[in-house]
Every structure is written in C-alpha cells, then in structure tokens.
Amino acid sequence: MPAPPRWTRRPRALSRRRAVRGVSLLEMLLVVALIAIIGVLTATAMNGGIDGVRLRNAGKEVASQLRYTRTQAIATGERQRFLIDPQARTWEAANGRHGSLPAALEVHFRGAGQVAGVANGKGGIAFHPDGGSSGGTIELGVRDALWRIDVSWITGEVRSGPVRGAQ
C-alpha cells in the first residue's frame, strides 16, 4: 500500500478550532473598560442610596419616638415632652430615651416656643394626657431629599414621610 501524499490537507474543523484559540487584546480592553464603567456607576448610586437610607431610618426613628412619647403621656396621665437640638443633631424622648441623627443630615424644627425647659436653639413638643400636643414639624434633609415629621397640635397625631419634589 502506497504512503499517502504529503500535500493532503487537514480537515477544516481542525483548522477552525486552532484559529479560535485566544482572545484579542482589543476584546480584553473592552471588557476591562465595561467593568470599570459599571463600577463607577454602582459606586455613585450606592453613595446616594446610603444617604437616602440614613434619611429614611432617621425619620422613622424620630417619628417612632414621638409616638412613644405621646403614648407615655396618655398612659401615665402626665405631660411628656420630646426635645430636639437641630445643631447638635440629638433628640430626647420620654423616660430618658435619647439618640442622635447622622451628621450628613440637615435638621430643622418649627413649633411652639413655650414648651417648658427648652433652651434656645432647641425645639420641643409637649404631649398632654388627653393625647393632644403643642404641635410642630421636624424636617430632615440630605442633598435634594427631604423627610418631614408633622405633629398635630389638636390630636397629637404623628405623620411622617418623604416630601415629594423637594429641592
């Protein structure tokens, strides 16, 4: 049997496999650039997202403590007060509860100035045994977001939530 000629071609499938072995430098650079862009976008979104979470958590915490103070006034039959210091970003509720707000937040208080024991620059909301209050508004803000906590002066109801379209 004669030997096969040396000039025979290899099967096409084998030659195609060898051609698709690696990835070009251009393709690698494109993938790295896409990963970098996604990383930058994610970091930017997370930064704004974290401030939003802090704002929401702080707003809900303050509203919760206001409701607790109102409940204590009704339960004990004695006047209770909630104090807030916008400059120091601290608050004090009934039964010695106290806390602080994140430094990134702006804090504003509007309410009655005649709440007993409130120093200048601080705000206070008094809750009466019948559930009523002296009323007031606490606004927490970060960047373009605003969270408002309203306390009704007649009923003492505490309403809390984001302000839509705040700027």
Foldseek 3Di string as FASTA:
>chain_A
DDDDDPPDDDDPVVVVVVVPDDDDPVVVVVVVVVVVVVVVVVVVVVVVVVVVVLQVVVQVVVLVLLVVQLVVQQVVQHKWKKKAQQVQQKIAHPPGDIDGGDPQKHKDKDFDPPDPPHDPRMDMKMHGNQQAIRWIKMWIDHDQWIKIWTQHRGRRDIDIDTDPPGD
